[in-house]
Amino acid sequence: MSGHSYEKWKDLGFQVKKDEKATYERYGVPIFIRNQVVMIGSSRTNSEYSFCDKCGKKLQGDRSKALCYECWSNL
């Protein structure tokens, strides 16, 4: 399972969703995974995501994603 610390997500332009608990810890640092964060400044809720926030490509399937597969894999 891949994830980042609160600080790393912030550096990437994301913030941890309210009331989220870390999925696991790495060397004592709380780690959050992609479905626990939202883009900083985004007023959208999870159910409203239909376009990639980075490239604008229309998202298919899981509407909770803020980034398309290509943009997400390039983080």
Protein backbone atom coordinates (compact mmCIF):
# COMPACT_ATOMS: atom_id res chain seq x y z
CA MET A 1 0.00 0.00 0.00
CA SER A 2 1.38 3.37 -0.99
CA GLY A 3 0.79 6.63 0.82
CA HIS A 4 2.37 9.82 2.09
CA SER A 5 2.71 11.79 5.30
CA TYR A 6 0.51 14.82 5.95
CA GLU A 7 3.41 17.12 5.05
CA LYS A 8 4.17 15.34 1.76
CA TRP A 9 0.51 15.49 0.68
CA LYS A 10 0.54 19.21 1.48
CA ASP A 11 3.66 19.67 -0.68
CA LEU A 12 1.80 17.89 -3.52
CA GLY A 13 -1.17 20.26 -3.19
CA PHE A 14 -3.51 18.03 -1.19
CA GLN A 15 -4.91 18.08 2.32
CA VAL A 16 -6.10 15.23 4.51
CA LYS A 17 -9.90 15.07 4.73
CA LYS A 18 -11.49 16.08 8.02
CA ASP A 19 -11.58 13.37 10.70
CA GLU A 20 -9.39 10.95 8.71
CA LYS A 21 -7.17 8.64 10.73
CA ALA A 22 -3.83 7.50 9.30
CA THR A 23 -4.04 4.20 7.44
CA TYR A 24 -0.71 3.09 8.90
CA GLU A 25 2.56 4.46 10.25
CA ARG A 26 6.00 4.38 8.66
CA TYR A 27 8.85 4.90 11.14
CA GLY A 28 6.36 6.49 13.55
CA VAL A 29 5.00 8.94 10.93
CA PRO A 30 1.25 8.76 10.16
CA ILE A 31 0.64 7.79 6.51
CA PHE A 32 -2.50 8.65 4.52
CA ILE A 33 -3.53 7.06 1.22
CA ARG A 34 -5.05 8.74 -1.87
CA ASN A 35 -8.72 8.30 -0.95
CA GLN A 36 -8.08 10.12 2.36
CA VAL A 37 -7.03 13.42 0.75
CA VAL A 38 -8.53 16.15 -1.42
CA MET A 39 -6.89 18.88 -3.49
CA ILE A 40 -6.25 22.09 -1.56
CA GLY A 41 -8.67 24.79 -2.65
CA SER A 42 -11.11 22.36 -4.22
CA SER A 43 -14.69 23.10 -3.27
CA ARG A 44 -15.88 19.81 -4.77
CA THR A 45 -17.04 16.85 -2.73
CA ASN A 46 -16.04 13.29 -3.59
CA SER A 47 -19.26 12.56 -5.46
CA GLU A 48 -18.84 15.60 -7.72
CA TYR A 49 -15.47 14.65 -9.24
CA SER A 50 -15.90 13.98 -12.93
CA PHE A 51 -12.78 15.60 -14.42
CA CYS A 52 -9.08 15.34 -13.58
CA ASP A 53 -8.01 18.37 -11.53
CA LYS A 54 -4.61 18.39 -13.25
CA CYS A 55 -5.23 17.78 -16.98
CA GLY A 56 -9.02 18.13 -17.23
CA LYS A 57 -9.56 14.65 -18.70
CA LYS A 58 -12.99 13.16 -17.98
CA LEU A 59 -12.80 10.45 -15.31
CA GLN A 60 -14.43 7.06 -15.79
CA GLY A 61 -15.59 4.67 -13.07
CA ASP A 62 -14.53 5.72 -9.56
CA ARG A 63 -15.82 9.27 -9.23
CA SER A 64 -13.98 9.83 -5.92
CA LYS A 65 -10.70 10.32 -7.79
CA ALA A 66 -9.47 13.89 -8.32
CA LEU A 67 -6.79 12.86 -10.84
CA CYS A 68 -6.82 10.60 -13.88
CA TYR A 69 -4.61 7.52 -13.87
CA GLU A 70 -1.86 9.17 -15.93
CA CYS A 71 -1.59 12.26 -13.68
CA TRP A 72 -1.85 10.15 -10.51
CA SER A 73 0.91 7.77 -11.61
CA ASN A 74 3.21 10.75 -12.31
CA LEU A 75 3.04 12.09 -8.72
